[in-house]
PDB file of N, CA and C in Angstrom:
ATOM      1  N   MET A   1     -51.342-104.509 -35.834  1.00  0.00           N
ATOM      2  CA  MET A   1     -50.354-104.363 -36.256  1.00  0.00           C
ATOM      3  C   MET A   1     -49.401-103.158 -35.736  1.00  0.00           C
ATOM      4  N   GLU A   2     -48.355-103.435 -34.923  1.00  0.00           N
ATOM      5  CA  GLU A   2     -47.169-102.625 -34.661  1.00  0.00           C
ATOM      6  C   GLU A   2     -45.773-102.739 -35.149  1.00  0.00           C
ATOM      7  N   GLU A   3     -45.280-101.629 -36.140  1.00  0.00           N
ATOM      8  CA  GLU A   3     -44.347-101.689 -36.902  1.00  0.00           C
ATOM      9  C   GLU A   3     -43.196-100.581 -36.404  1.00  0.00           C
ATOM     10  N   LYS A   4     -42.352-100.906 -36.180  1.00  0.00           N
ATOM     11  CA  LYS A   4     -41.112 -99.996 -36.081  1.00  0.00           C
ATOM     12  C   LYS A   4     -40.329 -99.609 -37.792  1.00  0.00           C
ATOM     13  N   VAL A   5     -41.066 -98.335 -38.502  1.00  0.00           N
ATOM     14  CA  VAL A   5     -40.777 -98.044 -39.907  1.00  0.00           C
ATOM     15  C   VAL A   5     -39.112 -97.614 -39.821  1.00  0.00           C
ATOM     16  N   ALA A   6     -38.849 -96.960 -38.896  1.00  0.00           N
ATOM     17  CA  ALA A   6     -37.468 -96.669 -38.773  1.00  0.00           C
ATOM     18  C   ALA A   6     -37.014 -95.899 -37.388  1.00  0.00           C
ATOM     19  N   SER A   7     -35.971 -95.620 -36.854  1.00  0.00           N
ATOM     20  CA  SER A   7     -36.065 -95.303 -35.760  1.00  0.00           C
ATOM     21  C   SER A   7     -36.289 -94.050 -35.785  1.00  0.00           C
ATOM     22  N   GLY A   8     -37.342 -93.928 -34.389  1.00  0.00           N
ATOM     23  CA  GLY A   8     -38.082 -92.715 -34.432  1.00  0.00           C
ATOM     24  C   GLY A   8     -39.804 -92.997 -35.099  1.00  0.00           C
ATOM     25  N   THR A   9     -40.034 -93.681 -35.819  1.00  0.00           N
ATOM     26  CA  THR A   9     -41.326 -93.723 -36.558  1.00  0.00           C
ATOM     27  C   THR A   9     -42.236 -95.218 -36.154  1.00  0.00           C
ATOM     28  N   ILE A  10     -43.152 -95.144 -36.287  1.00  0.00           N
ATOM     29  CA  ILE A  10     -43.889 -96.383 -36.240  1.00  0.00           C
ATOM     30  C   ILE A  10     -45.196 -96.067 -36.584  1.00  0.00           C
ATOM     31  N   ARG A  11     -45.940 -97.468 -36.862  1.00  0.00           N
ATOM     32  CA  ARG A  11     -47.185 -97.467 -37.532  1.00  0.00           C
ATOM     33  C   ARG A  11     -48.042 -98.906 -36.278  1.00  0.00           C
ATOM     34  N   PHE A  12     -49.052 -98.141 -36.277  1.00  0.00           N
ATOM     35  CA  PHE A  12     -50.003 -98.987 -35.130  1.00  0.00           C
ATOM     36  C   PHE A  12     -51.279 -99.183 -36.148  1.00  0.00           C
ATOM     37  N   GLY A  13     -51.995-100.148 -35.607  1.00  0.00           N
ATOM     38  CA  GLY A  13     -53.581-100.509 -35.886  1.00  0.00           C
ATOM     39  C   GLY A  13     -53.341-102.192 -36.112  1.00  0.00           C
ATOM     40  N   ASN A  14     -54.646-102.366 -36.495  1.00  0.00           N
ATOM     41  CA  ASN A  14     -54.834-104.068 -36.639  1.00  0.00           C
ATOM     42  C   ASN A  14     -56.311-103.760 -37.419  1.00  0.00           C
ATOM     43  N   GLY A  15     -56.696-102.678 -37.762  1.00  0.00           N
ATOM     44  CA  GLY A  15     -58.057-102.566 -38.812  1.00  0.00           C
ATOM     45  C   GLY A  15     -59.076-102.858 -37.535  1.00  0.00           C
ATOM     46  N   ASN A  16     -59.198-103.495 -36.810  1.00  0.00           N
ATOM     47  CA  ASN A  16     -60.155-103.458 -36.086  1.00  0.00           C
ATOM     48  C   ASN A  16     -60.448-102.872 -34.475  1.00  0.00           C
ATOM     49  N   GLN A  17     -59.393-102.027 -34.254  1.00  0.00           N
ATOM     50  CA  GLN A  17     -59.356-101.602 -32.653  1.00  0.00           C
ATOM     51  C   GLN A  17     -60.085-100.512 -32.698  1.00  0.00           C
ATOM     52  N   PHE A  18     -60.284 -99.628 -33.892  1.00  0.00           N
ATOM     53  CA  PHE A  18     -60.989 -98.330 -33.882  1.00  0.00           C
ATOM     54  C   PHE A  18     -61.658 -98.378 -34.925  1.00  0.00           C
ATOM     55  N   ARG A  19     -62.431 -99.625 -35.276  1.00  0.00           N
ATOM     56  CA  ARG A  19     -63.421 -99.668 -36.659  1.00  0.00           C
ATOM     57  C   ARG A  19     -64.742 -98.482 -36.616  1.00  0.00           C
ATOM     58  N   GLU A  20     -65.102 -98.700 -35.539  1.00  0.00           N
ATOM     59  CA  GLU A  20     -66.286 -97.701 -35.283  1.00  0.00           C
ATOM     60  C   GLU A  20     -66.507 -96.898 -34.331  1.00  0.00           C
ATOM     61  N   GLU A  21     -65.046 -96.260 -34.007  1.00  0.00           N
ATOM     62  CA  GLU A  21     -64.753 -95.706 -33.052  1.00  0.00           C
ATOM     63  C   GLU A  21     -64.096 -94.224 -33.090  1.00  0.00           C
ATOM     64  N   TRP A  22     -64.754 -93.453 -34.340  1.00  0.00           N
ATOM     65  CA  TRP A  22     -63.725 -92.381 -35.158  1.00  0.00           C
ATOM     66  C   TRP A  22     -63.394 -91.546 -33.769  1.00  0.00           C
ATOM     67  N   ARG A  23     -64.370 -91.380 -33.314  1.00  0.00           N
ATOM     68  CA  ARG A  23     -63.941 -90.288 -31.958  1.00  0.00           C
ATOM     69  C   ARG A  23     -62.836 -90.606 -31.206  1.00  0.00           C
ATOM     70  N   ARG A  24     -63.024 -91.880 -30.583  1.00  0.00           N
ATOM     71  CA  ARG A  24     -61.986 -92.440 -29.863  1.00  0.00           C
ATOM     72  C   ARG A  24     -60.572 -92.178 -30.438  1.00  0.00           C
ATOM     73  N   MET A  25     -60.628 -92.859 -31.523  1.00  0.00           N
ATOM     74  CA  MET A  25     -59.438 -92.531 -32.649  1.00  0.00           C
ATOM     75  C   MET A  25     -58.908 -91.387 -32.636  1.00  0.00           C
ATOM     76  N   GLU A  26     -59.741 -90.396 -32.864  1.00  0.00           N
ATOM     77  CA  GLU A  26     -58.950 -89.056 -32.696  1.00  0.00           C
ATOM     78  C   GLU A  26     -58.329 -88.425 -31.308  1.00  0.00           C
ATOM     79  N   GLU A  27     -59.698 -88.998 -30.331  1.00  0.00           N
ATOM     80  CA  GLU A  27     -59.021 -88.606 -28.577  1.00  0.00           C
ATOM     81  C   GLU A  27     -57.419 -89.386 -28.793  1.00  0.00           C
ATOM     82  N   ALA A  28     -57.026 -90.922 -29.008  1.00  0.00           N
ATOM     83  CA  ALA A  28     -55.883 -91.138 -28.858  1.00  0.00           C
ATOM     84  C   ALA A  28     -55.094 -90.313 -29.849  1.00  0.00           C
ATOM     85  N   ARG A  29     -55.455 -90.045 -31.049  1.00  0.00           N
ATOM     86  CA  ARG A  29     -54.590 -89.215 -31.810  1.00  0.00           C
ATOM     87  C   ARG A  29     -54.215 -87.806 -30.745  1.00  0.00           C
ATOM     88  N   ALA A  30     -54.858 -87.248 -30.189  1.00  0.00           N
ATOM     89  CA  ALA A  30     -54.813 -86.030 -29.643  1.00  0.00           C
ATOM     90  C   ALA A  30     -53.851 -86.023 -28.294  1.00  0.00           C
ATOM     91  N   ALA A  31     -54.170 -87.406 -27.607  1.00  0.00           N
ATOM     92  CA  ALA A  31     -53.104 -87.622 -26.420  1.00  0.00           C
ATOM     93  C   ALA A  31     -52.049 -87.939 -26.919  1.00  0.00           C
ATOM     94  N   ILE A  32     -51.790 -88.513 -27.813  1.00  0.00           N
ATOM     95  CA  ILE A  32     -50.405 -88.980 -28.426  1.00  0.00           C
ATOM     96  C   ILE A  32     -49.429 -88.002 -28.883  1.00  0.00           C
ATOM     97  N   ALA A  33     -50.079 -87.166 -29.207  1.00  0.00           N
ATOM     98  CA  ALA A  33     -49.406 -85.957 -29.884  1.00  0.00           C
ATOM     99  C   ALA A  33     -49.089 -84.651 -28.545  1.00  0.00           C
ATOM    100  N   LYS A  34     -49.713 -84.829 -27.504  1.00  0.00           N
ATOM    101  CA  LYS A  34     -49.371 -84.172 -26.298  1.00  0.00           C
ATOM    102  C   LYS A  34     -48.175 -84.971 -25.592  1.00  0.00           C
ATOM    103  N   LEU A  35     -47.867 -85.961 -25.632  1.00  0.00           N
ATOM    104  CA  LEU A  35     -46.598 -86.810 -24.992  1.00  0.00           C
ATOM    105  C   LEU A  35     -45.267 -86.204 -25.638  1.00  0.00           C
ATOM    106  N   ASP A  36     -44.453 -85.882 -24.347  1.00  0.00           N
ATOM    107  CA  ASP A  36     -43.170 -85.122 -24.779  1.00  0.00           C
ATOM    108  C   ASP A  36     -42.196 -86.294 -25.410  1.00  0.00           C
ATOM    109  N   GLY A  37     -41.930 -85.477 -26.735  1.00  0.00           N
ATOM    110  CA  GLY A  37     -41.057 -86.702 -27.511  1.00  0.00           C
ATOM    111  C   GLY A  37     -41.988 -86.840 -29.300  1.00  0.00           C
ATOM    112  N   VAL A  38     -42.918 -86.788 -28.646  1.00  0.00           N
ATOM    113  CA  VAL A  38     -43.688 -87.318 -30.079  1.00  0.00           C
ATOM    114  C   VAL A  38     -43.894 -85.844 -31.093  1.00  0.00           C
ATOM    115  N   LEU A  39     -43.374 -85.931 -32.319  1.00  0.00           N
ATOM    116  CA  LEU A  39     -43.066 -85.043 -33.112  1.00  0.00           C
ATOM    117  C   LEU A  39     -44.480 -84.811 -33.873  1.00  0.00           C
ATOM    118  N   LYS A  40     -44.877 -86.060 -34.149  1.00  0.00           N
ATOM    119  CA  LYS A  40     -46.005 -85.600 -35.553  1.00  0.00           C
ATOM    120  C   LYS A  40     -46.887 -87.217 -35.109  1.00  0.00           C
ATOM    121  N   VAL A  41     -47.928 -87.055 -35.183  1.00  0.00           N
ATOM    122  CA  VAL A  41     -48.800 -88.137 -35.441  1.00  0.00           C
ATOM    123  C   VAL A  41     -50.010 -87.933 -36.677  1.00  0.00           C
ATOM    124  N   GLU A  42     -50.080 -88.893 -37.210  1.00  0.00           N
ATOM    125  CA  GLU A  42     -51.206 -88.947 -38.155  1.00  0.00           C
ATOM    126  C   GLU A  42     -52.019 -90.114 -38.108  1.00  0.00           C
ATOM    127  N   THR A  43     -53.248 -90.094 -38.550  1.00  0.00           N
ATOM    128  CA  THR A  43     -54.380 -91.306 -38.482  1.00  0.00           C
ATOM    129  C   THR A  43     -54.920 -91.338 -39.590  1.00  0.00           C
ATOM    130  N   ASN A  44     -55.251 -92.612 -40.482  1.00  0.00           N
ATOM    131  CA  ASN A  44     -55.951 -92.924 -41.173  1.00  0.00           C
ATOM    132  C   ASN A  44     -57.194 -93.604 -41.074  1.00  0.00           C
ATOM    133  N   HIS A  45     -58.126 -92.811 -40.953  1.00  0.00           N
ATOM    134  CA  HIS A  45     -59.780 -93.552 -40.371  1.00  0.00           C
ATOM    135  C   HIS A  45     -60.345 -94.774 -41.568  1.00  0.00           C
ATOM    136  N   VAL A  46     -59.470 -94.907 -42.683  1.00  0.00           N
ATOM    137  CA  VAL A  46     -60.021 -95.747 -43.489  1.00  0.00           C
ATOM    138  C   VAL A  46     -59.370 -97.252 -43.305  1.00  0.00           C
ATOM    139  N   THR A  47     -57.858 -97.228 -42.701  1.00  0.00           N
ATOM    140  CA  THR A  47     -57.331 -98.360 -42.193  1.00  0.00           C
ATOM    141  C   THR A  47     -57.248 -98.558 -40.829  1.00  0.00           C
ATOM    142  N   HIS A  48     -57.781 -97.389 -40.035  1.00  0.00           N
ATOM    143  CA  HIS A  48     -57.509 -97.510 -38.755  1.00  0.00           C
ATOM    144  C   HIS A  48     -56.147 -97.500 -38.408  1.00  0.00           C
ATOM    145  N   MET A  49     -55.446 -96.908 -38.721  1.00  0.00           N
ATOM    146  CA  MET A  49     -53.923 -97.267 -38.708  1.00  0.00           C
ATOM    147  C   MET A  49     -53.507 -95.389 -38.009  1.00  0.00           C
ATOM    148  N   PHE A  50     -52.366 -95.517 -37.092  1.00  0.00           N
ATOM    149  CA  PHE A  50     -51.834 -94.232 -36.324  1.00  0.00           C
ATOM    150  C   PHE A  50     -50.245 -94.429 -37.330  1.00  0.00           C
ATOM    151  N   TYR A  51     -49.665 -93.175 -37.423  1.00  0.00           N
ATOM    152  CA  TYR A  51     -48.376 -93.194 -38.024  1.00  0.00           C
ATOM    153  C   TYR A  51     -47.571 -92.022 -37.514  1.00  0.00           C
ATOM    154  N   VAL A  52     -46.838 -92.404 -36.236  1.00  0.00           N
ATOM    155  CA  VAL A  52     -46.239 -91.381 -35.219  1.00  0.00           C
ATOM    156  C   VAL A  52     -44.737 -91.282 -35.308  1.00  0.00           C
ATOM    157  N   GLU A  53     -44.239 -89.795 -35.805  1.00  0.00           N
ATOM    158  CA  GLU A  53     -42.703 -89.912 -35.547  1.00  0.00           C
ATOM    159  C   GLU A  53     -42.380 -89.118 -34.116  1.00  0.00           C
ATOM    160  N   TYR A  54     -41.377 -89.701 -33.462  1.00  0.00           N
ATOM    161  CA  TYR A  54     -40.768 -89.759 -32.135  1.00  0.00           C
ATOM    162  C   TYR A  54     -39.688 -89.485 -31.983  1.00  0.00           C
ATOM    163  N   ASP A  55     -39.168 -88.696 -30.897  1.00  0.00           N
ATOM    164  CA  ASP A  55     -37.584 -88.801 -30.689  1.00  0.00           C
ATOM    165  C   ASP A  55     -37.458 -89.747 -29.599  1.00  0.00           C
ATOM    166  N   PRO A  56     -36.704 -90.748 -30.209  1.00  0.00           N
ATOM    167  CA  PRO A  56     -36.241 -91.988 -29.454  1.00  0.00           C
ATOM    168  C   PRO A  56     -35.482 -91.706 -27.931  1.00  0.00           C
ATOM    169  N   GLU A  57     -34.636 -90.506 -28.178  1.00  0.00           N
ATOM    170  CA  GLU A  57     -34.066 -89.878 -26.680  1.00  0.00           C
ATOM    171  C   GLU A  57     -34.920 -89.266 -25.827  1.00  0.00           C
ATOM    172  N   LYS A  58     -36.136 -88.587 -26.064  1.00  0.00           N
ATOM    173  CA  LYS A  58     -37.316 -88.519 -25.218  1.00  0.00           C
ATOM    174  C   LYS A  58     -38.267 -89.433 -24.687  1.00  0.00           C
ATOM    175  N   ILE A  59     -38.551 -90.309 -25.833  1.00  0.00           N
ATOM    176  CA  ILE A  59     -39.743 -91.151 -25.342  1.00  0.00           C
ATOM    177  C   ILE A  59     -39.492 -92.482 -26.144  1.00  0.00           C
ATOM    178  N   SER A  60     -39.936 -93.718 -25.352  1.00  0.00           N
ATOM    179  CA  SER A  60     -39.712 -94.843 -25.511  1.00  0.00           C
ATOM    180  C   SER A  60     -40.975 -95.423 -26.967  1.00  0.00           C
ATOM    181  N   PHE A  61     -40.642 -96.124 -27.478  1.00  0.00           N
ATOM    182  CA  PHE A  61     -41.685 -97.080 -28.086  1.00  0.00           C
ATOM    183  C   PHE A  61     -42.887 -97.601 -27.220  1.00  0.00           C
ATOM    184  N   GLU A  62     -42.328 -98.208 -26.460  1.00  0.00           N
ATOM    185  CA  GLU A  62     -43.221 -98.829 -25.227  1.00  0.00           C
ATOM    186  C   GLU A  62     -44.109 -97.485 -24.447  1.00  0.00           C
ATOM    187  N   SER A  63     -43.805 -96.814 -24.095  1.00  0.00           N
ATOM    188  CA  SER A  63     -44.714 -95.523 -23.860  1.00  0.00           C
ATOM    189  C   SER A  63     -45.635 -95.145 -24.781  1.00  0.00           C
ATOM    190  N   ILE A  64     -45.426 -95.189 -26.130  1.00  0.00           N
ATOM    191  CA  ILE A  64     -46.542 -94.668 -26.856  1.00  0.00           C
ATOM    192  C   ILE A  64     -47.611 -95.697 -27.318  1.00  0.00           C
ATOM    193  N   ARG A  65     -46.863 -96.958 -27.519  1.00  0.00           N
ATOM    194  CA  ARG A  65     -47.691 -98.141 -27.391  1.00  0.00           C
ATOM    195  C   ARG A  65     -48.883 -98.024 -26.019  1.00  0.00           C
ATOM    196  N   ARG A  66     -48.201 -98.130 -24.823  1.00  0.00           N
ATOM    197  CA  ARG A  66     -49.291 -97.901 -24.047  1.00  0.00           C
ATOM    198  C   ARG A  66     -50.312 -97.420 -24.290  1.00  0.00           C
ATOM    199  N   GLU A  67     -50.211 -96.027 -24.726  1.00  0.00           N
ATOM    200  CA  GLU A  67     -50.953 -94.990 -24.873  1.00  0.00           C
ATOM    201  C   GLU A  67     -51.996 -95.285 -25.851  1.00  0.00           C
ATOM    202  N   VAL A  68     -51.422 -95.851 -26.805  1.00  0.00           N
ATOM    203  CA  VAL A  68     -52.556 -96.251 -28.094  1.00  0.00           C
ATOM    204  C   VAL A  68     -53.114 -97.423 -27.414  1.00  0.00           C
ATOM    205  N   LYS A  69     -52.726 -98.396 -26.895  1.00  0.00           N
ATOM    206  CA  LYS A  69     -53.560 -99.680 -26.131  1.00  0.00           C
ATOM    207  C   LYS A  69     -54.616 -98.833 -25.101  1.00  0.00           C
ATOM    208  N   SER A  70     -54.387 -97.768 -24.784  1.00  0.00           N
ATOM    209  CA  SER A  70     -55.285 -97.286 -23.437  1.00  0.00           C
ATOM    210  C   SER A  70     -56.650 -97.139 -24.107  1.00  0.00           C
ATOM    211  N   TYR A  71     -56.586 -96.932 -25.500  1.00  0.00           N
ATOM    212  CA  TYR A  71     -57.713 -96.138 -26.114  1.00  0.00           C
ATOM    213  C   TYR A  71     -58.597 -97.371 -27.005  1.00  0.00           C
ATOM    214  N   ALA A  72     -57.667 -98.739 -27.490  1.00  0.00           N
ATOM    215  CA  ALA A  72     -58.212 -99.303 -28.060  1.00  0.00           C
ATOM    216  C   ALA A  72     -59.279-100.312 -27.280  1.00  0.00           C
ATOM    217  N   LYS A  73     -60.000-100.938 -28.189  1.00  0.00           N
ATOM    218  CA  LYS A  73     -60.827-102.036 -27.791  1.00  0.00           C
ATOM    219  C   LYS A  73     -60.117-103.265 -26.927  1.00  0.00           C
TER     220      LYS A  73
END
């Protein structure tokens, strides 16, 4: 599931991408947090979801999406 919650806010995940990979999910969170323009990244290990706040003038939705997908199964 990918959802633009508001301009500059995204939720990512489908419940299965990181089910057995807590460490990989944390690695993805850390990598996303380092991207220029990302303001905040939260993870929910129960639902396997990311919540990302970002500045759309500095980074695109697609750039963040690619980073998340690079860590997903």
